[in-house]
Amino acid sequence: MATKLSAGEKVRIGFDYGLDANGKKIIKRKSFTIMPGATDDQVYTASNNFASLCEKPLLKIEKIENYELQA
């Protein structure tokens, strides 16, 4: 049976950069490594604090968890 081992976590913050010539939303993203053991609330708060320093509006916050599978 395979087991999974944590290979790190990161947060990706998406910002609204308006629309392109075809009317499609332009989203620019910034990614940061998350400290192991950080709670979802801590990640959310830190992401919002970072976004408040930026000029563009915040669209979304994504938490990405990577795992390595081993036999």
C-alpha atoms as a PDB file:
ATOM      1  CA  MET A   1       0.000   0.000   0.000  1.00  0.00           C
ATOM      2  CA  ALA A   2       1.284   3.474  -0.856  1.00  0.00           C
ATOM      3  CA  THR A   3       1.861   6.077   1.815  1.00  0.00           C
ATOM      4  CA  LYS A   4       2.041   9.811   1.376  1.00  0.00           C
ATOM      5  CA  LEU A   5       4.665  12.095   2.843  1.00  0.00           C
ATOM      6  CA  SER A   6       4.299  15.845   2.962  1.00  0.00           C
ATOM      7  CA  ALA A   7       6.539  17.498   0.366  1.00  0.00           C
ATOM      8  CA  GLY A   8       5.727  21.061   1.392  1.00  0.00           C
ATOM      9  CA  GLU A   9       2.926  23.567   1.274  1.00  0.00           C
ATOM     10  CA  LYS A  10       2.557  26.936  -0.361  1.00  0.00           C
ATOM     11  CA  VAL A  11      -0.018  29.651  -0.756  1.00  0.00           C
ATOM     12  CA  ARG A  12      -0.866  31.245  -4.092  1.00  0.00           C
ATOM     13  CA  ILE A  13      -2.504  34.674  -4.033  1.00  0.00           C
ATOM     14  CA  GLY A  14      -4.351  35.876  -7.149  1.00  0.00           C
ATOM     15  CA  PHE A  15      -4.788  39.553  -8.035  1.00  0.00           C
ATOM     16  CA  ASP A  16      -7.198  41.188 -10.491  1.00  0.00           C
ATOM     17  CA  TYR A  17      -5.350  42.934 -13.323  1.00  0.00           C
ATOM     18  CA  GLY A  18      -8.465  43.823 -15.319  1.00  0.00           C
ATOM     19  CA  LEU A  19      -9.517  42.426 -18.683  1.00  0.00           C
ATOM     20  CA  ASP A  20      -7.564  41.592 -21.820  1.00  0.00           C
ATOM     21  CA  ALA A  21      -8.560  42.641 -25.358  1.00  0.00           C
ATOM     22  CA  ASN A  22     -10.989  39.698 -25.548  1.00  0.00           C
ATOM     23  CA  GLY A  23     -12.715  40.522 -22.268  1.00  0.00           C
ATOM     24  CA  LYS A  24     -11.019  37.671 -20.390  1.00  0.00           C
ATOM     25  CA  LYS A  25      -9.998  38.363 -16.776  1.00  0.00           C
ATOM     26  CA  ILE A  26      -6.252  38.804 -16.214  1.00  0.00           C
ATOM     27  CA  ILE A  27      -5.070  37.216 -12.975  1.00  0.00           C
ATOM     28  CA  LYS A  28      -1.497  37.626 -11.729  1.00  0.00           C
ATOM     29  CA  ARG A  29      -0.358  35.320  -8.956  1.00  0.00           C
ATOM     30  CA  LYS A  30       2.286  35.357  -6.242  1.00  0.00           C
ATOM     31  CA  SER A  31       3.350  32.153  -4.479  1.00  0.00           C
ATOM     32  CA  PHE A  32       4.948  31.755  -1.074  1.00  0.00           C
ATOM     33  CA  THR A  33       6.180  28.758   0.888  1.00  0.00           C
ATOM     34  CA  ILE A  34       4.184  28.122   4.061  1.00  0.00           C
ATOM     35  CA  MET A  35       5.787  27.342   7.399  1.00  0.00           C
ATOM     36  CA  PRO A  36       5.095  23.714   8.379  1.00  0.00           C
ATOM     37  CA  GLY A  37       2.309  23.566  10.943  1.00  0.00           C
ATOM     38  CA  ALA A  38       0.703  26.873   9.955  1.00  0.00           C
ATOM     39  CA  THR A  39      -3.069  26.712  10.363  1.00  0.00           C
ATOM     40  CA  ASP A  40      -5.497  27.635   7.601  1.00  0.00           C
ATOM     41  CA  ASP A  41      -6.505  30.732   9.596  1.00  0.00           C
ATOM     42  CA  GLN A  42      -2.878  31.841   9.874  1.00  0.00           C
ATOM     43  CA  VAL A  43      -2.306  31.341   6.144  1.00  0.00           C
ATOM     44  CA  TYR A  44      -5.502  33.250   5.327  1.00  0.00           C
ATOM     45  CA  THR A  45      -4.621  36.137   7.656  1.00  0.00           C
ATOM     46  CA  ALA A  46      -1.041  36.407   6.373  1.00  0.00           C
ATOM     47  CA  SER A  47      -2.259  36.316   2.757  1.00  0.00           C
ATOM     48  CA  ASN A  48      -4.795  39.073   3.389  1.00  0.00           C
ATOM     49  CA  ASN A  49      -2.156  41.170   5.145  1.00  0.00           C
ATOM     50  CA  PHE A  50       0.174  40.794   2.156  1.00  0.00           C
ATOM     51  CA  ALA A  51      -2.638  41.618  -0.278  1.00  0.00           C
ATOM     52  CA  SER A  52      -3.440  44.807   1.639  1.00  0.00           C
ATOM     53  CA  LEU A  53       0.032  46.088   0.700  1.00  0.00           C
ATOM     54  CA  CYS A  54      -0.625  45.607  -3.022  1.00  0.00           C
ATOM     55  CA  GLU A  55      -2.328  48.019  -5.400  1.00  0.00           C
ATOM     56  CA  LYS A  56      -4.470  45.482  -7.243  1.00  0.00           C
ATOM     57  CA  PRO A  57      -7.590  43.876  -5.714  1.00  0.00           C
ATOM     58  CA  LEU A  58      -7.324  40.406  -4.211  1.00  0.00           C
ATOM     59  CA  LEU A  59      -9.258  37.739  -6.125  1.00  0.00           C
ATOM     60  CA  LYS A  60      -8.421  34.495  -4.381  1.00  0.00           C
ATOM     61  CA  ILE A  61      -6.176  32.673  -1.958  1.00  0.00           C
ATOM     62  CA  GLU A  62      -5.196  29.082  -2.749  1.00  0.00           C
ATOM     63  CA  LYS A  63      -3.419  26.728  -0.372  1.00  0.00           C
ATOM     64  CA  ILE A  64      -1.432  24.085  -2.227  1.00  0.00           C
ATOM     65  CA  GLU A  65      -0.350  20.924  -0.405  1.00  0.00           C
ATOM     66  CA  ASN A  66       2.222  18.704  -2.122  1.00  0.00           C
ATOM     67  CA  TYR A  67       2.734  15.068  -1.233  1.00  0.00           C
ATOM     68  CA  GLU A  68       5.200  12.415  -2.285  1.00  0.00           C
ATOM     69  CA  LEU A  69       3.832   8.892  -2.654  1.00  0.00           C
ATOM     70  CA  GLN A  70       5.996   5.974  -1.608  1.00  0.00           C
ATOM     71  CA  ALA A  71       5.447   2.239  -1.673  1.00  0.00           C
END
